[in-house]
Amino acid sequence: MSDPTDIPDRDSLQPGPTALRILVGAQLRRLRESRKISREKAGYTIRGSHSKISRMEGGRCGFKLRDVADLLTLYGVADDTERQALLVLAEQANAPGWWQDYRDVIPDWFEAYLGLEQDAALIRTHEIQFVPGLLQTEDYARAVVVQGHKDEPAELIEHRVELRMRRQSILSEPATHKVWAILDEAALHRRVGGATVMRDQLRHLAEQAELPHVTVQVVPFGSDTVAGGVGPVTILRFAQAELDDVVYLEHLAGAQYLTKDSEVRPYQHLMNELSVQAPPPSETPEILRQIMAAM
């Protein structure tokens, strides 16, 4: 089995709109800081505020090309080739993602994650309650969605399930995406949707674990390694060297996106520790077979 931490060759993965926004924002930040210009002054130049500059530099919003052009002028970027290169990237970063068709069921705080997931070369996730969304069967996903949205109309439930299934399209591109999931054994014993749905889900998980670009490990009940006080964790790594890892922490009514090295490092350490302490991926099929046999 190949090293699951290896990411695809940078030349094989073109950045999507979310990654492009982060790249353009990072470049604008570097230019501003190199000229020792405050966010307040930059915001005033584009008829905005320092918080708007912060959102732009963090890749958390789209770009008005006039704003980018004005900032480049402020930062002393006069070379036409350099200006045009960044303006073209900014324009490409404004392209809508496929998930715009699902705005009726996507919370504002989750939209950024969809873009990051689409652009990530390596997705490492630790789940303690459910099978990760990228590895769920349709029936299992429907049961999870119904559990969390009991009062919603059937058409919205189905739209949520369709969104989750469509996210899984990245797994059909093994050359550009890798997924490494570490599951607490409890998630595999929780009968979501009933015994039949759960058995089908475990069988599907075993099939996915055989794919060369999918790695699945199970932290058994008897393990000494416990991620105390930590819920689901996802770390996204990108093929572009300029992009740092992003840690995504989802809560009941929102999410956190951690990007600072001091914030990201503890979660990287946690994921590394879990991967070392859990049985190797080669044992996952047998673990799943034993759980299915006991159902």
C-alpha atoms as a PDB file:
ATOM      1  CA  MET A   1       0.000   0.000   0.000  1.00  0.00           C
ATOM      2  CA  SER A   2       1.280   3.468  -0.876  1.00  0.00           C
ATOM      3  CA  ASP A   3       1.910   6.035   1.823  1.00  0.00           C
ATOM      4  CA  PRO A   4      -1.506   7.639   2.504  1.00  0.00           C
ATOM      5  CA  THR A   5       0.163  10.937   3.380  1.00  0.00           C
ATOM      6  CA  ASP A   6       1.588  11.295  -0.117  1.00  0.00           C
ATOM      7  CA  ILE A   7      -0.308  13.857  -2.124  1.00  0.00           C
ATOM      8  CA  PRO A   8      -0.781  13.801  -5.892  1.00  0.00           C
ATOM      9  CA  ASP A   9       1.757  15.483  -8.109  1.00  0.00           C
ATOM     10  CA  ARG A  10       1.154  19.236  -8.093  1.00  0.00           C
ATOM     11  CA  ASP A  11       1.059  19.297 -11.882  1.00  0.00           C
ATOM     12  CA  SER A  12      -1.913  16.896 -11.936  1.00  0.00           C
ATOM     13  CA  LEU A  13      -4.258  18.991  -9.781  1.00  0.00           C
ATOM     14  CA  GLN A  14      -5.572  22.348 -10.945  1.00  0.00           C
ATOM     15  CA  PRO A  15      -6.750  24.577  -8.095  1.00  0.00           C
ATOM     16  CA  GLY A  16     -10.476  25.263  -7.892  1.00  0.00           C
ATOM     17  CA  PRO A  17     -12.153  28.559  -6.944  1.00  0.00           C
ATOM     18  CA  THR A  18     -11.694  28.136  -3.184  1.00  0.00           C
ATOM     19  CA  ALA A  19      -7.971  27.365  -3.451  1.00  0.00           C
ATOM     20  CA  LEU A  20      -7.571  30.219  -5.914  1.00  0.00           C
ATOM     21  CA  ARG A  21      -9.210  32.656  -3.488  1.00  0.00           C
ATOM     22  CA  ILE A  22      -6.747  31.590  -0.810  1.00  0.00           C
ATOM     23  CA  LEU A  23      -3.818  31.916  -3.222  1.00  0.00           C
ATOM     24  CA  VAL A  24      -4.854  35.382  -4.421  1.00  0.00           C
ATOM     25  CA  GLY A  25      -5.557  36.501  -0.860  1.00  0.00           C
ATOM     26  CA  ALA A  26      -2.168  35.281   0.342  1.00  0.00           C
ATOM     27  CA  GLN A  27      -0.431  37.135  -2.485  1.00  0.00           C
ATOM     28  CA  LEU A  28      -2.296  40.355  -1.672  1.00  0.00           C
ATOM     29  CA  ARG A  29      -1.327  39.983   1.981  1.00  0.00           C
ATOM     30  CA  ARG A  30       2.343  39.463   1.114  1.00  0.00           C
ATOM     31  CA  LEU A  31       2.325  42.543  -1.108  1.00  0.00           C
ATOM     32  CA  ARG A  32       0.647  44.679   1.553  1.00  0.00           C
ATOM     33  CA  GLU A  33       2.974  43.544   4.322  1.00  0.00           C
ATOM     34  CA  SER A  34       6.079  44.005   2.153  1.00  0.00           C
ATOM     35  CA  ARG A  35       5.062  47.653   1.656  1.00  0.00           C
ATOM     36  CA  LYS A  36       4.226  47.994   5.383  1.00  0.00           C
ATOM     37  CA  ILE A  37       0.703  49.194   4.592  1.00  0.00           C
ATOM     38  CA  SER A  38      -1.986  48.734   7.235  1.00  0.00           C
ATOM     39  CA  ARG A  39      -5.269  46.937   6.602  1.00  0.00           C
ATOM     40  CA  GLU A  40      -7.045  50.168   7.469  1.00  0.00           C
ATOM     41  CA  LYS A  41      -5.269  52.087   4.722  1.00  0.00           C
ATOM     42  CA  ALA A  42      -5.821  49.289   2.207  1.00  0.00           C
ATOM     43  CA  GLY A  43      -9.511  49.154   3.125  1.00  0.00           C
ATOM     44  CA  TYR A  44      -9.872  52.917   2.704  1.00  0.00           C
ATOM     45  CA  THR A  45      -8.325  52.661  -0.766  1.00  0.00           C
ATOM     46  CA  ILE A  46     -11.031  50.252  -1.950  1.00  0.00           C
ATOM     47  CA  ARG A  47     -13.830  52.089  -0.135  1.00  0.00           C
ATOM     48  CA  GLY A  48     -14.076  49.344   2.436  1.00  0.00           C
ATOM     49  CA  SER A  49     -12.861  48.462   5.915  1.00  0.00           C
ATOM     50  CA  HIS A  50      -9.936  46.610   7.443  1.00  0.00           C
ATOM     51  CA  SER A  51     -12.260  43.628   7.995  1.00  0.00           C
ATOM     52  CA  LYS A  52     -12.945  43.448   4.254  1.00  0.00           C
ATOM     53  CA  ILE A  53      -9.194  43.324   3.611  1.00  0.00           C
ATOM     54  CA  SER A  54      -8.928  40.566   6.216  1.00  0.00           C
ATOM     55  CA  ARG A  55     -11.642  38.539   4.454  1.00  0.00           C
ATOM     56  CA  MET A  56      -9.995  39.064   1.063  1.00  0.00           C
ATOM     57  CA  GLU A  57      -6.556  38.064   2.326  1.00  0.00           C
ATOM     58  CA  GLY A  58      -8.000  34.990   4.025  1.00  0.00           C
ATOM     59  CA  GLY A  59      -9.758  33.876   0.849  1.00  0.00           C
ATOM     60  CA  ARG A  60     -13.114  34.102   2.600  1.00  0.00           C
ATOM     61  CA  CYS A  61     -14.904  36.146  -0.054  1.00  0.00           C
ATOM     62  CA  GLY A  62     -14.950  36.785  -3.778  1.00  0.00           C
ATOM     63  CA  PHE A  63     -13.000  39.578  -5.439  1.00  0.00           C
ATOM     64  CA  LYS A  64     -14.132  42.691  -7.249  1.00  0.00           C
ATOM     65  CA  LEU A  65     -11.549  43.120  -9.975  1.00  0.00           C
ATOM     66  CA  ARG A  66     -11.577  46.904  -9.472  1.00  0.00           C
ATOM     67  CA  ASP A  67     -10.657  46.373  -5.810  1.00  0.00           C
ATOM     68  CA  VAL A  68      -7.780  44.065  -6.718  1.00  0.00           C
ATOM     69  CA  ALA A  69      -6.520  46.520  -9.344  1.00  0.00           C
ATOM     70  CA  ASP A  70      -6.671  49.430  -6.866  1.00  0.00           C
ATOM     71  CA  LEU A  71      -4.783  47.407  -4.252  1.00  0.00           C
ATOM     72  CA  LEU A  72      -2.095  46.462  -6.743  1.00  0.00           C
ATOM     73  CA  THR A  73      -1.662  50.157  -7.552  1.00  0.00           C
ATOM     74  CA  LEU A  74      -1.459  50.997  -3.856  1.00  0.00           C
ATOM     75  CA  TYR A  75       1.136  48.262  -3.360  1.00  0.00           C
ATOM     76  CA  GLY A  76       3.269  49.621  -6.202  1.00  0.00           C
ATOM     77  CA  VAL A  77       2.729  46.749  -8.639  1.00  0.00           C
ATOM     78  CA  ALA A  78       3.140  48.553 -11.956  1.00  0.00           C
ATOM     79  CA  ASP A  79       4.295  45.721 -14.212  1.00  0.00           C
ATOM     80  CA  ASP A  80       1.415  44.851 -16.560  1.00  0.00           C
ATOM     81  CA  THR A  81       2.305  41.165 -16.731  1.00  0.00           C
ATOM     82  CA  GLU A  82       2.328  40.783 -12.953  1.00  0.00           C
ATOM     83  CA  ARG A  83      -0.914  42.746 -12.582  1.00  0.00           C
ATOM     84  CA  GLN A  84      -2.716  40.761 -15.265  1.00  0.00           C
ATOM     85  CA  ALA A  85      -1.594  37.427 -13.843  1.00  0.00           C
ATOM     86  CA  LEU A  86      -3.141  38.200 -10.454  1.00  0.00           C
ATOM     87  CA  LEU A  87      -6.279  39.743 -11.975  1.00  0.00           C
ATOM     88  CA  VAL A  88      -6.840  36.625 -14.084  1.00  0.00           C
ATOM     89  CA  LEU A  89      -6.506  34.429 -10.994  1.00  0.00           C
ATOM     90  CA  ALA A  90      -8.938  36.686  -9.119  1.00  0.00           C
ATOM     91  CA  GLU A  91     -11.456  36.399 -11.943  1.00  0.00           C
ATOM     92  CA  GLN A  92     -11.127  32.601 -11.989  1.00  0.00           C
ATOM     93  CA  ALA A  93     -11.553  32.522  -8.210  1.00  0.00           C
ATOM     94  CA  ASN A  94     -14.987  34.110  -8.606  1.00  0.00           C
ATOM     95  CA  ALA A  95     -16.310  31.148 -10.595  1.00  0.00           C
ATOM     96  CA  PRO A  96     -19.282  29.550  -8.802  1.00  0.00           C
ATOM     97  CA  GLY A  97     -18.827  26.024  -7.459  1.00  0.00           C
ATOM     98  CA  TRP A  98     -21.133  23.154  -8.393  1.00  0.00           C
ATOM     99  CA  TRP A  99     -22.626  23.276  -4.895  1.00  0.00           C
ATOM    100  CA  GLN A 100     -24.434  26.536  -5.711  1.00  0.00           C
ATOM    101  CA  ASP A 101     -27.306  24.310  -6.858  1.00  0.00           C
ATOM    102  CA  TYR A 102     -27.737  23.261  -3.217  1.00  0.00           C
ATOM    103  CA  ARG A 103     -27.780  26.661  -1.507  1.00  0.00           C
ATOM    104  CA  ASP A 104     -31.172  25.855   0.022  1.00  0.00           C
ATOM    105  CA  VAL A 105     -29.582  23.169   2.222  1.00  0.00           C
ATOM    106  CA  ILE A 106     -26.050  24.525   2.744  1.00  0.00           C
ATOM    107  CA  PRO A 107     -25.403  26.641   5.874  1.00  0.00           C
ATOM    108  CA  ASP A 108     -23.140  29.631   5.274  1.00  0.00           C
ATOM    109  CA  TRP A 109     -20.467  28.132   7.520  1.00  0.00           C
ATOM    110  CA  PHE A 110     -20.353  24.892   5.499  1.00  0.00           C
ATOM    111  CA  GLU A 111     -20.007  26.396   2.022  1.00  0.00           C
ATOM    112  CA  ALA A 112     -16.311  27.157   2.488  1.00  0.00           C
ATOM    113  CA  TYR A 113     -15.679  23.552   3.495  1.00  0.00           C
ATOM    114  CA  LEU A 114     -17.227  22.236   0.275  1.00  0.00           C
ATOM    115  CA  GLY A 115     -14.775  24.306  -1.730  1.00  0.00           C
ATOM    116  CA  LEU A 116     -11.816  23.226   0.384  1.00  0.00           C
ATOM    117  CA  GLU A 117     -12.810  19.562   0.178  1.00  0.00           C
ATOM    118  CA  GLN A 118     -13.125  19.826  -3.600  1.00  0.00           C
ATOM    119  CA  ASP A 119      -9.645  21.349  -3.902  1.00  0.00           C
ATOM    120  CA  ALA A 120      -7.806  19.242  -1.306  1.00  0.00           C
ATOM    121  CA  ALA A 121      -5.290  16.649  -2.466  1.00  0.00           C
ATOM    122  CA  LEU A 122      -5.346  14.806   0.873  1.00  0.00           C
ATOM    123  CA  ILE A 123      -8.288  14.687   3.278  1.00  0.00           C
ATOM    124  CA  ARG A 124      -7.544  13.213   6.706  1.00  0.00           C
ATOM    125  CA  THR A 125     -10.562  12.779   8.940  1.00  0.00           C
ATOM    126  CA  HIS A 126     -11.265  11.337  12.383  1.00  0.00           C
ATOM    127  CA  GLU A 127     -14.870  10.400  13.187  1.00  0.00           C
ATOM    128  CA  ILE A 128     -16.305   9.171  16.463  1.00  0.00           C
ATOM    129  CA  GLN A 129     -20.048   8.944  15.784  1.00  0.00           C
ATOM    130  CA  PHE A 130     -20.677   8.323  12.085  1.00  0.00           C
ATOM    131  CA  VAL A 131     -18.985   6.990   8.992  1.00  0.00           C
ATOM    132  CA  PRO A 132     -17.462  10.020   7.175  1.00  0.00           C
ATOM    133  CA  GLY A 133     -19.752  11.582   4.589  1.00  0.00           C
ATOM    134  CA  LEU A 134     -17.382  10.779   1.715  1.00  0.00           C
ATOM    135  CA  LEU A 135     -17.670   7.057   2.523  1.00  0.00           C
ATOM    136  CA  GLN A 136     -21.401   6.791   3.265  1.00  0.00           C
ATOM    137  CA  THR A 137     -23.926   4.788   1.270  1.00  0.00           C
ATOM    138  CA  GLU A 138     -27.007   6.645   0.094  1.00  0.00           C
ATOM    139  CA  ASP A 139     -29.312   4.864   2.572  1.00  0.00           C
ATOM    140  CA  TYR A 140     -26.939   5.479   5.470  1.00  0.00           C
ATOM    141  CA  ALA A 141     -26.583   9.130   4.474  1.00  0.00           C
ATOM    142  CA  ARG A 142     -30.375   9.480   4.325  1.00  0.00           C
ATOM    143  CA  ALA A 143     -30.728   8.014   7.825  1.00  0.00           C
ATOM    144  CA  VAL A 144     -28.091  10.433   9.174  1.00  0.00           C
ATOM    145  CA  VAL A 145     -29.770  13.413   7.482  1.00  0.00           C
ATOM    146  CA  VAL A 146     -33.228  12.454   8.757  1.00  0.00           C
ATOM    147  CA  GLN A 147     -31.830  12.092  12.269  1.00  0.00           C
ATOM    148  CA  GLY A 148     -30.473  15.646  12.169  1.00  0.00           C
ATOM    149  CA  HIS A 149     -33.391  17.262  10.297  1.00  0.00           C
ATOM    150  CA  LYS A 150     -36.495  15.447  11.505  1.00  0.00           C
ATOM    151  CA  ASP A 151     -38.899  18.313  10.804  1.00  0.00           C
ATOM    152  CA  GLU A 152     -37.769  19.095   7.262  1.00  0.00           C
ATOM    153  CA  PRO A 153     -39.889  18.372   4.166  1.00  0.00           C
ATOM    154  CA  ALA A 154     -38.970  15.256   2.210  1.00  0.00           C
ATOM    155  CA  GLU A 155     -37.685  17.246  -0.765  1.00  0.00           C
ATOM    156  CA  LEU A 156     -35.105  19.057   1.386  1.00  0.00           C
ATOM    157  CA  ILE A 157     -34.024  15.772   2.949  1.00  0.00           C
ATOM    158  CA  GLU A 158     -33.444  14.317  -0.505  1.00  0.00           C
ATOM    159  CA  HIS A 159     -31.580  17.443  -1.610  1.00  0.00           C
ATOM    160  CA  ARG A 160     -29.222  17.064   1.351  1.00  0.00           C
ATOM    161  CA  VAL A 161     -28.644  13.403   0.512  1.00  0.00           C
ATOM    162  CA  GLU A 162     -28.005  14.297  -3.143  1.00  0.00           C
ATOM    163  CA  LEU A 163     -25.438  16.886  -2.060  1.00  0.00           C
ATOM    164  CA  ARG A 164     -23.603  14.317   0.062  1.00  0.00           C
ATOM    165  CA  MET A 165     -23.564  11.788  -2.757  1.00  0.00           C
ATOM    166  CA  ARG A 166     -22.305  14.383  -5.210  1.00  0.00           C
ATOM    167  CA  ARG A 167     -19.426  15.276  -2.881  1.00  0.00           C
ATOM    168  CA  GLN A 168     -18.205  11.711  -3.281  1.00  0.00           C
ATOM    169  CA  SER A 169     -17.386  12.327  -6.943  1.00  0.00           C
ATOM    170  CA  ILE A 170     -13.853  13.290  -5.865  1.00  0.00           C
ATOM    171  CA  LEU A 171     -13.261   9.607  -5.068  1.00  0.00           C
ATOM    172  CA  SER A 172     -13.674   8.800  -8.745  1.00  0.00           C
ATOM    173  CA  GLU A 173     -10.480  10.798  -9.415  1.00  0.00           C
ATOM    174  CA  PRO A 174      -7.762   8.735  -7.691  1.00  0.00           C
ATOM    175  CA  ALA A 175      -4.997  10.698  -9.393  1.00  0.00           C
ATOM    176  CA  THR A 176      -5.996  13.925  -7.688  1.00  0.00           C
ATOM    177  CA  HIS A 177      -7.565  13.115  -4.310  1.00  0.00           C
ATOM    178  CA  LYS A 178      -6.725  10.870  -1.370  1.00  0.00           C
ATOM    179  CA  VAL A 179      -8.868  10.184   1.700  1.00  0.00           C
ATOM    180  CA  TRP A 180      -7.538   8.819   4.979  1.00  0.00           C
ATOM    181  CA  ALA A 181     -10.274   8.088   7.523  1.00  0.00           C
ATOM    182  CA  ILE A 182      -9.688   7.002  11.117  1.00  0.00           C
ATOM    183  CA  LEU A 183     -12.920   5.851  12.754  1.00  0.00           C
ATOM    184  CA  ASP A 184     -13.679   5.147  16.362  1.00  0.00           C
ATOM    185  CA  GLU A 185     -15.106   1.623  16.581  1.00  0.00           C
ATOM    186  CA  ALA A 186     -18.231   3.024  18.247  1.00  0.00           C
ATOM    187  CA  ALA A 187     -19.234   4.624  14.945  1.00  0.00           C
ATOM    188  CA  LEU A 188     -19.341   1.173  13.357  1.00  0.00           C
ATOM    189  CA  HIS A 189     -21.584  -0.337  16.033  1.00  0.00           C
ATOM    190  CA  ARG A 190     -24.130   2.486  16.036  1.00  0.00           C
ATOM    191  CA  ARG A 191     -27.026   1.097  13.955  1.00  0.00           C
ATOM    192  CA  VAL A 192     -27.881   4.085  11.850  1.00  0.00           C
ATOM    193  CA  GLY A 193     -30.978   3.287   9.785  1.00  0.00           C
ATOM    194  CA  GLY A 194     -31.301  -0.261  11.096  1.00  0.00           C
ATOM    195  CA  ALA A 195     -29.371  -3.499  10.719  1.00  0.00           C
ATOM    196  CA  THR A 196     -29.743  -3.837   6.939  1.00  0.00           C
ATOM    197  CA  VAL A 197     -28.613  -0.285   6.235  1.00  0.00           C
ATOM    198  CA  MET A 198     -25.721  -0.676   8.640  1.00  0.00           C
ATOM    199  CA  ARG A 199     -24.588  -3.983   7.175  1.00  0.00           C
ATOM    200  CA  ASP A 200     -24.621  -2.501   3.672  1.00  0.00           C
ATOM    201  CA  GLN A 201     -22.658   0.485   4.960  1.00  0.00           C
ATOM    202  CA  LEU A 202     -19.978  -1.680   6.539  1.00  0.00           C
ATOM    203  CA  ARG A 203     -19.701  -3.735   3.340  1.00  0.00           C
ATOM    204  CA  HIS A 204     -19.362  -0.523   1.319  1.00  0.00           C
ATOM    205  CA  LEU A 205     -16.721   0.774   3.728  1.00  0.00           C
ATOM    206  CA  ALA A 206     -14.730  -2.435   3.293  1.00  0.00           C
ATOM    207  CA  GLU A 207     -14.892  -2.051  -0.494  1.00  0.00           C
ATOM    208  CA  GLN A 208     -13.778   1.577  -0.300  1.00  0.00           C
ATOM    209  CA  ALA A 209     -10.887   0.635   1.976  1.00  0.00           C
ATOM    210  CA  GLU A 210      -9.521  -1.580  -0.805  1.00  0.00           C
ATOM    211  CA  LEU A 211      -9.137   1.385  -3.163  1.00  0.00           C
ATOM    212  CA  PRO A 212      -5.538   2.610  -3.582  1.00  0.00           C
ATOM    213  CA  HIS A 213      -6.466   6.223  -2.801  1.00  0.00           C
ATOM    214  CA  VAL A 214      -8.621   5.465   0.260  1.00  0.00           C
ATOM    215  CA  THR A 215      -7.168   4.473   3.634  1.00  0.00           C
ATOM    216  CA  VAL A 216      -9.412   3.380   6.510  1.00  0.00           C
ATOM    217  CA  GLN A 217      -8.319   2.593  10.051  1.00  0.00           C
ATOM    218  CA  VAL A 218     -10.427   1.677  13.073  1.00  0.00           C
ATOM    219  CA  VAL A 219      -9.545   2.692  16.639  1.00  0.00           C
ATOM    220  CA  PRO A 220     -10.842  -0.291  18.688  1.00  0.00           C
ATOM    221  CA  PHE A 221     -12.723  -0.049  21.953  1.00  0.00           C
ATOM    222  CA  GLY A 222      -9.733  -1.398  23.848  1.00  0.00           C
ATOM    223  CA  SER A 223      -7.277   1.169  22.499  1.00  0.00           C
ATOM    224  CA  ASP A 224      -5.254   3.257  24.954  1.00  0.00           C
ATOM    225  CA  THR A 225      -5.384   6.178  22.514  1.00  0.00           C
ATOM    226  CA  VAL A 226      -8.416   8.340  23.178  1.00  0.00           C
ATOM    227  CA  ALA A 227      -9.043  11.709  21.580  1.00  0.00           C
ATOM    228  CA  GLY A 228     -10.472  13.137  24.763  1.00  0.00           C
ATOM    229  CA  GLY A 229     -12.639  16.223  24.378  1.00  0.00           C
ATOM    230  CA  VAL A 230     -12.232  16.228  20.599  1.00  0.00           C
ATOM    231  CA  GLY A 231     -15.123  15.745  18.202  1.00  0.00           C
ATOM    232  CA  PRO A 232     -14.861  15.082  14.483  1.00  0.00           C
ATOM    233  CA  VAL A 233     -11.663  16.491  12.979  1.00  0.00           C
ATOM    234  CA  THR A 234     -10.753  16.962   9.316  1.00  0.00           C
ATOM    235  CA  ILE A 235      -7.367  18.146   8.036  1.00  0.00           C
ATOM    236  CA  LEU A 236      -7.184  19.268   4.435  1.00  0.00           C
ATOM    237  CA  ARG A 237      -3.874  19.372   2.587  1.00  0.00           C
ATOM    238  CA  PHE A 238      -3.430  20.934  -0.845  1.00  0.00           C
ATOM    239  CA  ALA A 239      -1.132  20.197  -3.743  1.00  0.00           C
ATOM    240  CA  GLN A 240      -0.152  23.852  -4.053  1.00  0.00           C
ATOM    241  CA  ALA A 241       2.942  24.478  -1.941  1.00  0.00           C
ATOM    242  CA  GLU A 242       1.731  28.003  -1.144  1.00  0.00           C
ATOM    243  CA  LEU A 243      -1.328  26.675   0.706  1.00  0.00           C
ATOM    244  CA  ASP A 244      -1.070  25.608   4.342  1.00  0.00           C
ATOM    245  CA  ASP A 245      -3.105  22.802   5.890  1.00  0.00           C
ATOM    246  CA  VAL A 246      -6.592  23.711   7.089  1.00  0.00           C
ATOM    247  CA  VAL A 247      -8.228  22.067  10.122  1.00  0.00           C
ATOM    248  CA  TYR A 248     -12.024  21.893   9.985  1.00  0.00           C
ATOM    249  CA  LEU A 249     -13.947  21.422  13.234  1.00  0.00           C
ATOM    250  CA  GLU A 250     -17.710  21.106  12.909  1.00  0.00           C
ATOM    251  CA  HIS A 251     -20.052  21.940  15.774  1.00  0.00           C
ATOM    252  CA  LEU A 252     -23.812  21.692  16.261  1.00  0.00           C
ATOM    253  CA  ALA A 253     -24.557  25.081  14.730  1.00  0.00           C
ATOM    254  CA  GLY A 254     -21.316  26.143  13.072  1.00  0.00           C
ATOM    255  CA  ALA A 255     -17.706  25.312  12.331  1.00  0.00           C
ATOM    256  CA  GLN A 256     -14.136  26.494  12.881  1.00  0.00           C
ATOM    257  CA  TYR A 257     -11.441  26.757  10.236  1.00  0.00           C
ATOM    258  CA  LEU A 258      -7.944  26.726  11.730  1.00  0.00           C
ATOM    259  CA  THR A 259      -5.026  27.836   9.569  1.00  0.00           C
ATOM    260  CA  LYS A 260      -2.350  29.162  11.936  1.00  0.00           C
ATOM    261  CA  ASP A 261       0.528  26.740  12.379  1.00  0.00           C
ATOM    262  CA  SER A 262       0.206  26.893  16.171  1.00  0.00           C
ATOM    263  CA  GLU A 263      -3.461  25.859  15.886  1.00  0.00           C
ATOM    264  CA  VAL A 264      -3.023  23.224  13.188  1.00  0.00           C
ATOM    265  CA  ARG A 265      -0.021  21.413  14.666  1.00  0.00           C
ATOM    266  CA  PRO A 266      -1.818  19.803  17.678  1.00  0.00           C
ATOM    267  CA  TYR A 267      -4.410  18.257  15.365  1.00  0.00           C
ATOM    268  CA  GLN A 268      -1.723  16.970  13.027  1.00  0.00           C
ATOM    269  CA  HIS A 269      -0.061  15.387  16.059  1.00  0.00           C
ATOM    270  CA  LEU A 270      -3.383  13.890  17.157  1.00  0.00           C
ATOM    271  CA  MET A 271      -4.024  12.393  13.715  1.00  0.00           C
ATOM    272  CA  ASN A 272      -0.497  10.992  13.546  1.00  0.00           C
ATOM    273  CA  GLU A 273      -0.839   9.436  16.987  1.00  0.00           C
ATOM    274  CA  LEU A 274      -4.183   7.848  16.139  1.00  0.00           C
ATOM    275  CA  SER A 275      -2.822   6.412  12.905  1.00  0.00           C
ATOM    276  CA  VAL A 276       0.136   4.833  14.715  1.00  0.00           C
ATOM    277  CA  GLN A 277      -1.865   3.421  17.632  1.00  0.00           C
ATOM    278  CA  ALA A 278      -4.760   2.054  15.577  1.00  0.00           C
ATOM    279  CA  PRO A 279      -4.369  -1.325  13.815  1.00  0.00           C
ATOM    280  CA  PRO A 280      -2.821  -0.902  10.351  1.00  0.00           C
ATOM    281  CA  PRO A 281      -5.129  -0.397   7.362  1.00  0.00           C
ATOM    282  CA  SER A 282      -4.458  -3.966   6.212  1.00  0.00           C
ATOM    283  CA  GLU A 283      -6.448  -5.212   9.241  1.00  0.00           C
ATOM    284  CA  THR A 284      -9.489  -3.022   8.556  1.00  0.00           C
ATOM    285  CA  PRO A 285     -11.349  -5.517   6.285  1.00  0.00           C
ATOM    286  CA  GLU A 286     -11.162  -8.226   8.965  1.00  0.00           C
ATOM    287  CA  ILE A 287     -12.305  -5.797  11.677  1.00  0.00           C
ATOM    288  CA  LEU A 288     -15.316  -4.869   9.539  1.00  0.00           C
ATOM    289  CA  ARG A 289     -16.110  -8.534   8.835  1.00  0.00           C
ATOM    290  CA  GLN A 290     -16.092  -9.315  12.554  1.00  0.00           C
ATOM    291  CA  ILE A 291     -18.455  -6.425  13.298  1.00  0.00           C
ATOM    292  CA  MET A 292     -20.824  -7.547  10.511  1.00  0.00           C
ATOM    293  CA  ALA A 293     -20.756 -11.135  11.790  1.00  0.00           C
ATOM    294  CA  ALA A 294     -21.761  -9.963  15.263  1.00  0.00           C
ATOM    295  CA  MET A 295     -24.764  -7.982  14.025  1.00  0.00           C
END
